[in-house]
């Protein structure tokens, strides 16, 4: 099970409700929850949930360090194997699309590419507009799932320099990967999501987000260090440095979080199997997250049992 959706959709709450029905271990796929000391602004699970349900993928590195999607995929593959061997069910929960993709597609080991040919090709792609790049990517790889300049240029590079499209290499990686994902995508009407985001922002500020940022900065961490560049943290840091009025912090956080949630929704809409015509409830199951977790969890547990029986 891989539970995905925008921030404030209720992913953590669903996992908590599922844990009352199944022996779960949650694997966090959140690129900000890996940081130690960043708890409030990353919406880490509450202590009572952590005491009740084992979690992996939290508090891995110090603020200022970097943690890549590839590293997550390798770590998560190991965690999943360990959880399975213990007799529990691993459930991946998160909103960082590149982490989800890296794990679901397996670790793509790129063949050696000629550096001169690579540089020449990049000179060419740099001079193409985004529309042309995407069209070329689609011609060279009919299964290209769309995306911006970086993804399109990457698809072109791999196809031309290896002789096989990127989707081929990803399929090879997937066949030997750690998981066969069943995506549970939580969806919400825009007005409901915006209301939940506002509630989350207010809760973070009330719980002490400003004090959390000040504690981290007091240890000597640079204001623009990895981790503090996340939504919520960067607005408080800007206020601390006199670059943003304190009276404007809440509204700026609200706008930035809404924009982030929209990018997440776009990513999942374009990158999950449903976008490339592979959809079925066996691959992506969209759930109305306006329903309370106590109602959603039994639906998910029953569906999961049916999929396991089919396999």
C-alpha atoms as a PDB file:
ATOM      1  CA  UNK A   1       0.000   0.000   0.000  1.00  0.00           C
ATOM      2  CA  UNK A   2       1.218   3.470  -0.938  1.00  0.00           C
ATOM      3  CA  UNK A   3      -0.964   6.273   0.444  1.00  0.00           C
ATOM      4  CA  UNK A   4      -0.516   9.510  -1.499  1.00  0.00           C
ATOM      5  CA  UNK A   5      -2.220  12.879  -1.754  1.00  0.00           C
ATOM      6  CA  UNK A   6      -1.625  16.575  -1.148  1.00  0.00           C
ATOM      7  CA  UNK A   7      -0.594  18.027   2.170  1.00  0.00           C
ATOM      8  CA  UNK A   8      -3.431  18.109   4.726  1.00  0.00           C
ATOM      9  CA  UNK A   9      -5.419  15.447   2.847  1.00  0.00           C
ATOM     10  CA  UNK A  10      -5.388  13.108   5.857  1.00  0.00           C
ATOM     11  CA  UNK A  11      -2.740  10.545   4.874  1.00  0.00           C
ATOM     12  CA  UNK A  12      -1.341  10.170   8.386  1.00  0.00           C
ATOM     13  CA  UNK A  13      -4.813   9.941   9.908  1.00  0.00           C
ATOM     14  CA  UNK A  14      -5.771   7.180   7.472  1.00  0.00           C
ATOM     15  CA  UNK A  15      -2.627   5.224   8.326  1.00  0.00           C
ATOM     16  CA  UNK A  16      -3.450   5.558  12.005  1.00  0.00           C
ATOM     17  CA  UNK A  17      -6.974   4.263  11.471  1.00  0.00           C
ATOM     18  CA  UNK A  18      -5.675   1.375   9.336  1.00  0.00           C
ATOM     19  CA  UNK A  19      -3.284   0.403  12.112  1.00  0.00           C
ATOM     20  CA  UNK A  20      -6.282  -0.439  14.288  1.00  0.00           C
ATOM     21  CA  UNK A  21      -7.277  -3.065  11.685  1.00  0.00           C
ATOM     22  CA  UNK A  22      -3.942  -4.387  10.403  1.00  0.00           C
ATOM     23  CA  UNK A  23      -0.447  -4.863  11.913  1.00  0.00           C
ATOM     24  CA  UNK A  24       1.119  -1.955  10.045  1.00  0.00           C
ATOM     25  CA  UNK A  25       4.504  -0.299   9.954  1.00  0.00           C
ATOM     26  CA  UNK A  26       4.449   3.099   8.273  1.00  0.00           C
ATOM     27  CA  UNK A  27       7.277   4.142   5.965  1.00  0.00           C
ATOM     28  CA  UNK A  28       7.328   7.918   5.584  1.00  0.00           C
ATOM     29  CA  UNK A  29       7.881   9.176   2.033  1.00  0.00           C
ATOM     30  CA  UNK A  30       8.196  12.811   3.020  1.00  0.00           C
ATOM     31  CA  UNK A  31      11.359  14.702   2.076  1.00  0.00           C
ATOM     32  CA  UNK A  32      11.036  17.067   5.082  1.00  0.00           C
ATOM     33  CA  UNK A  33      10.223  14.572   7.808  1.00  0.00           C
ATOM     34  CA  UNK A  34      13.706  13.070   7.371  1.00  0.00           C
ATOM     35  CA  UNK A  35      15.137  16.062   9.293  1.00  0.00           C
ATOM     36  CA  UNK A  36      15.763  15.822  13.014  1.00  0.00           C
ATOM     37  CA  UNK A  37      14.392  18.783  14.932  1.00  0.00           C
ATOM     38  CA  UNK A  38      11.900  19.817  12.262  1.00  0.00           C
ATOM     39  CA  UNK A  39       8.726  18.406  13.767  1.00  0.00           C
ATOM     40  CA  UNK A  40       5.970  21.003  13.814  1.00  0.00           C
ATOM     41  CA  UNK A  41       6.464  22.466  10.352  1.00  0.00           C
ATOM     42  CA  UNK A  42       6.751  19.029   8.723  1.00  0.00           C
ATOM     43  CA  UNK A  43       3.585  17.745  10.443  1.00  0.00           C
ATOM     44  CA  UNK A  44       5.292  14.661  11.832  1.00  0.00           C
ATOM     45  CA  UNK A  45       2.926  12.152  13.448  1.00  0.00           C
ATOM     46  CA  UNK A  46       1.924  12.955  17.010  1.00  0.00           C
ATOM     47  CA  UNK A  47       3.731  11.095  19.841  1.00  0.00           C
ATOM     48  CA  UNK A  48       0.695   8.973  20.676  1.00  0.00           C
ATOM     49  CA  UNK A  49       0.521   7.652  17.101  1.00  0.00           C
ATOM     50  CA  UNK A  50       4.281   7.007  17.042  1.00  0.00           C
ATOM     51  CA  UNK A  51       3.920   5.053  20.285  1.00  0.00           C
ATOM     52  CA  UNK A  52       1.120   2.964  18.821  1.00  0.00           C
ATOM     53  CA  UNK A  53       2.351   2.427  15.254  1.00  0.00           C
ATOM     54  CA  UNK A  54       5.993   1.835  14.230  1.00  0.00           C
ATOM     55  CA  UNK A  55       7.300   4.453  11.775  1.00  0.00           C
ATOM     56  CA  UNK A  56      10.409   4.427   9.594  1.00  0.00           C
ATOM     57  CA  UNK A  57      11.893   7.244   7.549  1.00  0.00           C
ATOM     58  CA  UNK A  58      11.659   9.927  10.248  1.00  0.00           C
ATOM     59  CA  UNK A  59      14.534  11.883  11.839  1.00  0.00           C
ATOM     60  CA  UNK A  60      17.260  10.449   9.617  1.00  0.00           C
ATOM     61  CA  UNK A  61      19.553  13.439   9.057  1.00  0.00           C
ATOM     62  CA  UNK A  62      20.482  16.808  10.526  1.00  0.00           C
ATOM     63  CA  UNK A  63      19.163  20.063   9.121  1.00  0.00           C
ATOM     64  CA  UNK A  64      21.595  21.158   6.418  1.00  0.00           C
ATOM     65  CA  UNK A  65      22.264  17.672   5.078  1.00  0.00           C
ATOM     66  CA  UNK A  66      20.757  16.362   1.856  1.00  0.00           C
ATOM     67  CA  UNK A  67      18.773  13.172   1.299  1.00  0.00           C
ATOM     68  CA  UNK A  68      17.995  12.115  -2.269  1.00  0.00           C
ATOM     69  CA  UNK A  69      15.125  10.192  -3.801  1.00  0.00           C
ATOM     70  CA  UNK A  70      17.576   7.457  -4.770  1.00  0.00           C
ATOM     71  CA  UNK A  71      18.778   7.129  -1.210  1.00  0.00           C
ATOM     72  CA  UNK A  72      15.187   6.959  -0.016  1.00  0.00           C
ATOM     73  CA  UNK A  73      14.387   4.187  -2.514  1.00  0.00           C
ATOM     74  CA  UNK A  74      17.367   2.134  -1.352  1.00  0.00           C
ATOM     75  CA  UNK A  75      16.578   2.673   2.331  1.00  0.00           C
ATOM     76  CA  UNK A  76      12.861   2.034   1.868  1.00  0.00           C
ATOM     77  CA  UNK A  77      13.516  -1.193  -0.030  1.00  0.00           C
ATOM     78  CA  UNK A  78      15.504  -2.451   2.946  1.00  0.00           C
ATOM     79  CA  UNK A  79      12.868  -1.273   5.430  1.00  0.00           C
ATOM     80  CA  UNK A  80      10.094  -2.987   3.454  1.00  0.00           C
ATOM     81  CA  UNK A  81      11.985  -6.283   3.427  1.00  0.00           C
ATOM     82  CA  UNK A  82      12.607  -6.052   7.181  1.00  0.00           C
ATOM     83  CA  UNK A  83       8.973  -5.213   7.933  1.00  0.00           C
ATOM     84  CA  UNK A  84       7.715  -8.095   5.826  1.00  0.00           C
ATOM     85  CA  UNK A  85      10.105 -10.531   7.487  1.00  0.00           C
ATOM     86  CA  UNK A  86       8.748  -9.454  10.875  1.00  0.00           C
ATOM     87  CA  UNK A  87       5.223 -10.425   9.812  1.00  0.00           C
ATOM     88  CA  UNK A  88       3.913  -6.870   9.620  1.00  0.00           C
ATOM     89  CA  UNK A  89       2.498  -4.986   6.630  1.00  0.00           C
ATOM     90  CA  UNK A  90       4.558  -2.064   5.308  1.00  0.00           C
ATOM     91  CA  UNK A  91       2.549   0.982   4.214  1.00  0.00           C
ATOM     92  CA  UNK A  92       4.296   3.825   2.424  1.00  0.00           C
ATOM     93  CA  UNK A  93       2.749   7.198   3.309  1.00  0.00           C
ATOM     94  CA  UNK A  94       3.751  10.525   1.868  1.00  0.00           C
ATOM     95  CA  UNK A  95       3.422  13.367  -0.528  1.00  0.00           C
ATOM     96  CA  UNK A  96       6.917  13.650  -2.016  1.00  0.00           C
ATOM     97  CA  UNK A  97       6.334  12.499  -5.562  1.00  0.00           C
ATOM     98  CA  UNK A  98       9.956  11.839  -6.487  1.00  0.00           C
ATOM     99  CA  UNK A  99      10.364   9.573  -3.459  1.00  0.00           C
ATOM    100  CA  UNK A 100       7.228   7.656  -4.420  1.00  0.00           C
ATOM    101  CA  UNK A 101       8.361   7.370  -8.017  1.00  0.00           C
ATOM    102  CA  UNK A 102      11.870   6.235  -7.128  1.00  0.00           C
ATOM    103  CA  UNK A 103      10.498   3.461  -4.935  1.00  0.00           C
ATOM    104  CA  UNK A 104       7.677   2.392  -7.250  1.00  0.00           C
ATOM    105  CA  UNK A 105       9.839   2.335 -10.372  1.00  0.00           C
ATOM    106  CA  UNK A 106      12.779   0.675  -8.694  1.00  0.00           C
ATOM    107  CA  UNK A 107      16.326   1.990  -8.822  1.00  0.00           C
ATOM    108  CA  UNK A 108      17.143   2.786 -12.442  1.00  0.00           C
ATOM    109  CA  UNK A 109      20.827   2.022 -12.950  1.00  0.00           C
ATOM    110  CA  UNK A 110      21.824   4.197 -15.864  1.00  0.00           C
ATOM    111  CA  UNK A 111      24.219   2.637 -18.404  1.00  0.00           C
ATOM    112  CA  UNK A 112      27.476   4.471 -18.980  1.00  0.00           C
ATOM    113  CA  UNK A 113      26.880   7.422 -21.312  1.00  0.00           C
ATOM    114  CA  UNK A 114      29.567   8.993 -23.467  1.00  0.00           C
ATOM    115  CA  UNK A 115      30.342  12.335 -21.768  1.00  0.00           C
ATOM    116  CA  UNK A 116      31.110  14.174 -25.029  1.00  0.00           C
ATOM    117  CA  UNK A 117      27.885  12.988 -26.661  1.00  0.00           C
ATOM    118  CA  UNK A 118      25.996  13.879 -23.503  1.00  0.00           C
ATOM    119  CA  UNK A 119      27.406  17.412 -23.472  1.00  0.00           C
ATOM    120  CA  UNK A 120      26.637  17.934 -27.161  1.00  0.00           C
ATOM    121  CA  UNK A 121      23.096  16.699 -26.679  1.00  0.00           C
ATOM    122  CA  UNK A 122      22.563  19.046 -23.733  1.00  0.00           C
ATOM    123  CA  UNK A 123      23.761  21.981 -25.848  1.00  0.00           C
ATOM    124  CA  UNK A 124      21.023  21.065 -28.328  1.00  0.00           C
ATOM    125  CA  UNK A 125      18.216  20.528 -25.813  1.00  0.00           C
ATOM    126  CA  UNK A 126      19.087  23.752 -23.982  1.00  0.00           C
ATOM    127  CA  UNK A 127      18.153  25.665 -27.135  1.00  0.00           C
ATOM    128  CA  UNK A 128      14.715  24.048 -27.481  1.00  0.00           C
ATOM    129  CA  UNK A 129      11.633  25.513 -25.864  1.00  0.00           C
ATOM    130  CA  UNK A 130       9.699  23.348 -23.390  1.00  0.00           C
ATOM    131  CA  UNK A 131       6.989  22.432 -25.907  1.00  0.00           C
ATOM    132  CA  UNK A 132       9.527  21.145 -28.414  1.00  0.00           C
ATOM    133  CA  UNK A 133      11.350  19.172 -25.715  1.00  0.00           C
ATOM    134  CA  UNK A 134       8.144  17.474 -24.616  1.00  0.00           C
ATOM    135  CA  UNK A 135       7.244  16.626 -28.240  1.00  0.00           C
ATOM    136  CA  UNK A 136      10.656  15.082 -28.862  1.00  0.00           C
ATOM    137  CA  UNK A 137      10.419  13.109 -25.613  1.00  0.00           C
ATOM    138  CA  UNK A 138       7.025  11.762 -26.695  1.00  0.00           C
ATOM    139  CA  UNK A 139       8.384  10.704 -30.089  1.00  0.00           C
ATOM    140  CA  UNK A 140      11.384   8.940 -28.609  1.00  0.00           C
ATOM    141  CA  UNK A 141       9.430   7.347 -25.775  1.00  0.00           C
ATOM    142  CA  UNK A 142       5.701   6.758 -26.501  1.00  0.00           C
ATOM    143  CA  UNK A 143       5.198   6.061 -22.793  1.00  0.00           C
ATOM    144  CA  UNK A 144       6.661   9.391 -21.711  1.00  0.00           C
ATOM    145  CA  UNK A 145       4.327  10.557 -18.938  1.00  0.00           C
ATOM    146  CA  UNK A 146       4.822  14.279 -19.392  1.00  0.00           C
ATOM    147  CA  UNK A 147       6.466  16.828 -17.161  1.00  0.00           C
ATOM    148  CA  UNK A 148       8.643  19.898 -17.455  1.00  0.00           C
ATOM    149  CA  UNK A 149      11.948  20.620 -19.183  1.00  0.00           C
ATOM    150  CA  UNK A 150      14.091  18.489 -16.908  1.00  0.00           C
ATOM    151  CA  UNK A 151      12.025  15.321 -17.325  1.00  0.00           C
ATOM    152  CA  UNK A 152      11.698  15.785 -21.085  1.00  0.00           C
ATOM    153  CA  UNK A 153      15.418  16.429 -21.569  1.00  0.00           C
ATOM    154  CA  UNK A 154      16.191  13.375 -19.464  1.00  0.00           C
ATOM    155  CA  UNK A 155      13.910  11.170 -21.590  1.00  0.00           C
ATOM    156  CA  UNK A 156      15.558  12.432 -24.784  1.00  0.00           C
ATOM    157  CA  UNK A 157      19.061  11.894 -23.425  1.00  0.00           C
ATOM    158  CA  UNK A 158      18.461   8.322 -22.304  1.00  0.00           C
ATOM    159  CA  UNK A 159      16.654   7.316 -25.501  1.00  0.00           C
ATOM    160  CA  UNK A 160      19.270   8.729 -27.880  1.00  0.00           C
ATOM    161  CA  UNK A 161      22.378   7.724 -25.956  1.00  0.00           C
ATOM    162  CA  UNK A 162      21.334   4.203 -24.886  1.00  0.00           C
ATOM    163  CA  UNK A 163      19.175   3.168 -27.818  1.00  0.00           C
ATOM    164  CA  UNK A 164      16.266   2.366 -25.508  1.00  0.00           C
ATOM    165  CA  UNK A 165      13.595   4.703 -24.094  1.00  0.00           C
ATOM    166  CA  UNK A 166      13.618   5.660 -20.432  1.00  0.00           C
ATOM    167  CA  UNK A 167      10.399   3.685 -19.895  1.00  0.00           C
ATOM    168  CA  UNK A 168      12.269   0.529 -20.920  1.00  0.00           C
ATOM    169  CA  UNK A 169      14.946   1.047 -18.285  1.00  0.00           C
ATOM    170  CA  UNK A 170      12.331   1.907 -15.690  1.00  0.00           C
ATOM    171  CA  UNK A 171      10.432  -1.281 -16.517  1.00  0.00           C
ATOM    172  CA  UNK A 172      13.597  -3.318 -16.039  1.00  0.00           C
ATOM    173  CA  UNK A 173      14.140  -1.610 -12.688  1.00  0.00           C
ATOM    174  CA  UNK A 174      10.503  -2.127 -11.714  1.00  0.00           C
ATOM    175  CA  UNK A 175      10.671  -5.860 -12.427  1.00  0.00           C
ATOM    176  CA  UNK A 176      13.543  -6.181  -9.986  1.00  0.00           C
ATOM    177  CA  UNK A 177      12.344  -3.470  -7.596  1.00  0.00           C
ATOM    178  CA  UNK A 178      11.277  -3.708  -4.004  1.00  0.00           C
ATOM    179  CA  UNK A 179       7.545  -3.248  -4.423  1.00  0.00           C
ATOM    180  CA  UNK A 180       4.580  -3.587  -6.676  1.00  0.00           C
ATOM    181  CA  UNK A 181       2.704  -0.475  -5.550  1.00  0.00           C
ATOM    182  CA  UNK A 182      -1.013  -0.161  -4.966  1.00  0.00           C
ATOM    183  CA  UNK A 183      -1.629   3.566  -4.790  1.00  0.00           C
ATOM    184  CA  UNK A 184      -4.366   4.876  -2.532  1.00  0.00           C
ATOM    185  CA  UNK A 185      -4.822   8.455  -3.709  1.00  0.00           C
ATOM    186  CA  UNK A 186      -6.691  10.751  -1.337  1.00  0.00           C
ATOM    187  CA  UNK A 187      -8.638  13.489  -3.098  1.00  0.00           C
ATOM    188  CA  UNK A 188     -10.544  16.503  -1.800  1.00  0.00           C
ATOM    189  CA  UNK A 189     -12.606  19.341  -3.292  1.00  0.00           C
ATOM    190  CA  UNK A 190     -10.494  22.490  -3.503  1.00  0.00           C
ATOM    191  CA  UNK A 191     -12.493  24.410  -0.893  1.00  0.00           C
ATOM    192  CA  UNK A 192     -12.228  21.581   1.627  1.00  0.00           C
ATOM    193  CA  UNK A 193      -8.492  21.229   1.039  1.00  0.00           C
ATOM    194  CA  UNK A 194      -7.972  24.958   1.478  1.00  0.00           C
ATOM    195  CA  UNK A 195      -9.901  24.879   4.750  1.00  0.00           C
ATOM    196  CA  UNK A 196      -7.768  22.013   6.047  1.00  0.00           C
ATOM    197  CA  UNK A 197      -4.596  23.802   4.985  1.00  0.00           C
ATOM    198  CA  UNK A 198      -5.673  26.912   6.913  1.00  0.00           C
ATOM    199  CA  UNK A 199      -6.378  24.790   9.981  1.00  0.00           C
ATOM    200  CA  UNK A 200      -2.953  23.146   9.676  1.00  0.00           C
ATOM    201  CA  UNK A 201      -1.125  26.465   9.315  1.00  0.00           C
ATOM    202  CA  UNK A 202      -2.917  27.864  12.372  1.00  0.00           C
ATOM    203  CA  UNK A 203      -2.142  24.722  14.352  1.00  0.00           C
ATOM    204  CA  UNK A 204       1.565  24.871  13.447  1.00  0.00           C
ATOM    205  CA  UNK A 205       1.849  28.482  14.535  1.00  0.00           C
ATOM    206  CA  UNK A 206      -0.010  27.781  17.766  1.00  0.00           C
ATOM    207  CA  UNK A 207       2.126  24.723  18.545  1.00  0.00           C
ATOM    208  CA  UNK A 208       5.335  26.734  18.303  1.00  0.00           C
ATOM    209  CA  UNK A 209       6.672  26.749  14.745  1.00  0.00           C
ATOM    210  CA  UNK A 210       8.437  30.069  15.324  1.00  0.00           C
ATOM    211  CA  UNK A 211      10.194  28.744  18.427  1.00  0.00           C
ATOM    212  CA  UNK A 212      11.172  25.575  16.541  1.00  0.00           C
ATOM    213  CA  UNK A 213      12.856  27.644  13.833  1.00  0.00           C
ATOM    214  CA  UNK A 214      14.646  29.791  16.399  1.00  0.00           C
ATOM    215  CA  UNK A 215      15.989  26.677  18.174  1.00  0.00           C
ATOM    216  CA  UNK A 216      17.413  25.332  14.927  1.00  0.00           C
ATOM    217  CA  UNK A 217      18.988  28.654  13.935  1.00  0.00           C
ATOM    218  CA  UNK A 218      20.508  28.970  17.410  1.00  0.00           C
ATOM    219  CA  UNK A 219      22.569  25.825  16.757  1.00  0.00           C
ATOM    220  CA  UNK A 220      24.387  27.606  13.928  1.00  0.00           C
ATOM    221  CA  UNK A 221      22.424  26.185  11.012  1.00  0.00           C
ATOM    222  CA  UNK A 222      22.407  28.560   8.034  1.00  0.00           C
ATOM    223  CA  UNK A 223      19.026  30.239   7.358  1.00  0.00           C
ATOM    224  CA  UNK A 224      18.982  28.837   3.808  1.00  0.00           C
ATOM    225  CA  UNK A 225      20.128  25.334   4.768  1.00  0.00           C
ATOM    226  CA  UNK A 226      18.372  22.289   3.298  1.00  0.00           C
ATOM    227  CA  UNK A 227      15.339  21.648   5.463  1.00  0.00           C
ATOM    228  CA  UNK A 228      14.720  25.276   6.306  1.00  0.00           C
ATOM    229  CA  UNK A 229      13.880  25.957   2.663  1.00  0.00           C
ATOM    230  CA  UNK A 230      10.565  24.104   3.068  1.00  0.00           C
ATOM    231  CA  UNK A 231       7.169  25.784   3.072  1.00  0.00           C
ATOM    232  CA  UNK A 232       6.460  27.228   6.503  1.00  0.00           C
ATOM    233  CA  UNK A 233      10.088  27.289   7.603  1.00  0.00           C
ATOM    234  CA  UNK A 234      11.231  29.676   4.920  1.00  0.00           C
ATOM    235  CA  UNK A 235       8.480  32.166   5.780  1.00  0.00           C
ATOM    236  CA  UNK A 236       9.428  32.172   9.471  1.00  0.00           C
ATOM    237  CA  UNK A 237      13.114  32.445   8.575  1.00  0.00           C
ATOM    238  CA  UNK A 238      12.308  35.428   6.336  1.00  0.00           C
ATOM    239  CA  UNK A 239      10.489  37.119   9.221  1.00  0.00           C
ATOM    240  CA  UNK A 240      13.387  36.417  11.575  1.00  0.00           C
ATOM    241  CA  UNK A 241      15.747  38.097   9.091  1.00  0.00           C
ATOM    242  CA  UNK A 242      13.489  41.122   8.654  1.00  0.00           C
ATOM    243  CA  UNK A 243      12.588  40.193   5.084  1.00  0.00           C
ATOM    244  CA  UNK A 244       8.906  39.569   5.863  1.00  0.00           C
ATOM    245  CA  UNK A 245       6.621  41.289   8.341  1.00  0.00           C
ATOM    246  CA  UNK A 246       5.504  39.016  11.165  1.00  0.00           C
ATOM    247  CA  UNK A 247       1.930  40.099  10.494  1.00  0.00           C
ATOM    248  CA  UNK A 248       2.221  38.608   7.004  1.00  0.00           C
ATOM    249  CA  UNK A 249       3.695  35.224   7.995  1.00  0.00           C
ATOM    250  CA  UNK A 250       0.396  33.367   8.313  1.00  0.00           C
ATOM    251  CA  UNK A 251      -1.004  34.560   4.994  1.00  0.00           C
ATOM    252  CA  UNK A 252       2.268  33.932   3.175  1.00  0.00           C
ATOM    253  CA  UNK A 253       2.432  30.413   4.606  1.00  0.00           C
ATOM    254  CA  UNK A 254      -1.173  29.831   3.592  1.00  0.00           C
ATOM    255  CA  UNK A 255      -0.584  30.875  -0.012  1.00  0.00           C
ATOM    256  CA  UNK A 256       2.660  28.892  -0.292  1.00  0.00           C
ATOM    257  CA  UNK A 257       1.053  25.751   1.151  1.00  0.00           C
ATOM    258  CA  UNK A 258      -1.887  25.992  -1.246  1.00  0.00           C
ATOM    259  CA  UNK A 259       0.540  26.312  -4.150  1.00  0.00           C
ATOM    260  CA  UNK A 260       2.522  23.342  -2.902  1.00  0.00           C
ATOM    261  CA  UNK A 261      -0.629  21.224  -2.575  1.00  0.00           C
ATOM    262  CA  UNK A 262      -1.598  22.148  -6.134  1.00  0.00           C
ATOM    263  CA  UNK A 263       1.813  21.029  -7.400  1.00  0.00           C
ATOM    264  CA  UNK A 264       1.419  17.752  -5.529  1.00  0.00           C
ATOM    265  CA  UNK A 265      -2.004  17.143  -7.059  1.00  0.00           C
ATOM    266  CA  UNK A 266      -0.657  17.896 -10.527  1.00  0.00           C
ATOM    267  CA  UNK A 267       2.276  15.549  -9.995  1.00  0.00           C
ATOM    268  CA  UNK A 268       0.135  12.637  -8.863  1.00  0.00           C
ATOM    269  CA  UNK A 269      -2.365  13.272 -11.645  1.00  0.00           C
ATOM    270  CA  UNK A 270       0.391  13.141 -14.270  1.00  0.00           C
ATOM    271  CA  UNK A 271       2.780  10.560 -12.841  1.00  0.00           C
ATOM    272  CA  UNK A 272       0.738   7.763 -11.315  1.00  0.00           C
ATOM    273  CA  UNK A 273      -0.214   4.894 -13.674  1.00  0.00           C
ATOM    274  CA  UNK A 274      -3.666   6.421 -14.239  1.00  0.00           C
ATOM    275  CA  UNK A 275      -1.984   9.115 -16.362  1.00  0.00           C
ATOM    276  CA  UNK A 276      -0.596   6.646 -18.876  1.00  0.00           C
ATOM    277  CA  UNK A 277      -3.687   4.530 -19.351  1.00  0.00           C
ATOM    278  CA  UNK A 278      -2.699   1.793 -16.902  1.00  0.00           C
ATOM    279  CA  UNK A 279      -5.419   2.641 -14.419  1.00  0.00           C
ATOM    280  CA  UNK A 280      -7.482   0.126 -12.546  1.00  0.00           C
ATOM    281  CA  UNK A 281      -8.402  -0.155  -8.903  1.00  0.00           C
ATOM    282  CA  UNK A 282      -5.560  -2.668  -8.697  1.00  0.00           C
ATOM    283  CA  UNK A 283      -3.028   0.087  -9.388  1.00  0.00           C
ATOM    284  CA  UNK A 284      -4.564   3.403  -8.305  1.00  0.00           C
ATOM    285  CA  UNK A 285      -7.617   3.723  -6.085  1.00  0.00           C
ATOM    286  CA  UNK A 286      -8.914   7.224  -5.621  1.00  0.00           C
ATOM    287  CA  UNK A 287     -10.724   7.845  -2.363  1.00  0.00           C
ATOM    288  CA  UNK A 288     -12.866  10.756  -1.248  1.00  0.00           C
ATOM    289  CA  UNK A 289     -10.951  12.057   1.755  1.00  0.00           C
ATOM    290  CA  UNK A 290     -13.901  14.112   2.960  1.00  0.00           C
ATOM    291  CA  UNK A 291     -14.992  10.866   4.613  1.00  0.00           C
ATOM    292  CA  UNK A 292     -13.502  10.373   8.084  1.00  0.00           C
ATOM    293  CA  UNK A 293     -10.548   7.980   8.422  1.00  0.00           C
ATOM    294  CA  UNK A 294     -12.698   5.668  10.549  1.00  0.00           C
ATOM    295  CA  UNK A 295     -14.898   5.064   7.486  1.00  0.00           C
ATOM    296  CA  UNK A 296     -12.091   4.950   4.915  1.00  0.00           C
ATOM    297  CA  UNK A 297      -9.882   2.492   6.809  1.00  0.00           C
ATOM    298  CA  UNK A 298     -12.302  -0.509   6.658  1.00  0.00           C
ATOM    299  CA  UNK A 299     -12.789   0.106   2.908  1.00  0.00           C
ATOM    300  CA  UNK A 300      -9.040   0.069   2.340  1.00  0.00           C
ATOM    301  CA  UNK A 301      -8.508  -2.997   4.540  1.00  0.00           C
ATOM    302  CA  UNK A 302     -11.182  -4.977   2.674  1.00  0.00           C
ATOM    303  CA  UNK A 303      -9.834  -3.973  -0.721  1.00  0.00           C
ATOM    304  CA  UNK A 304      -6.300  -4.846   0.362  1.00  0.00           C
ATOM    305  CA  UNK A 305      -7.412  -8.282   1.550  1.00  0.00           C
ATOM    306  CA  UNK A 306      -9.047  -8.888  -1.830  1.00  0.00           C
ATOM    307  CA  UNK A 307      -5.911  -7.889  -3.732  1.00  0.00           C
ATOM    308  CA  UNK A 308      -3.783 -10.140  -1.560  1.00  0.00           C
ATOM    309  CA  UNK A 309      -6.133 -13.039  -2.216  1.00  0.00           C
ATOM    310  CA  UNK A 310      -5.964 -12.411  -5.983  1.00  0.00           C
ATOM    311  CA  UNK A 311      -2.180 -12.594  -5.829  1.00  0.00           C
END
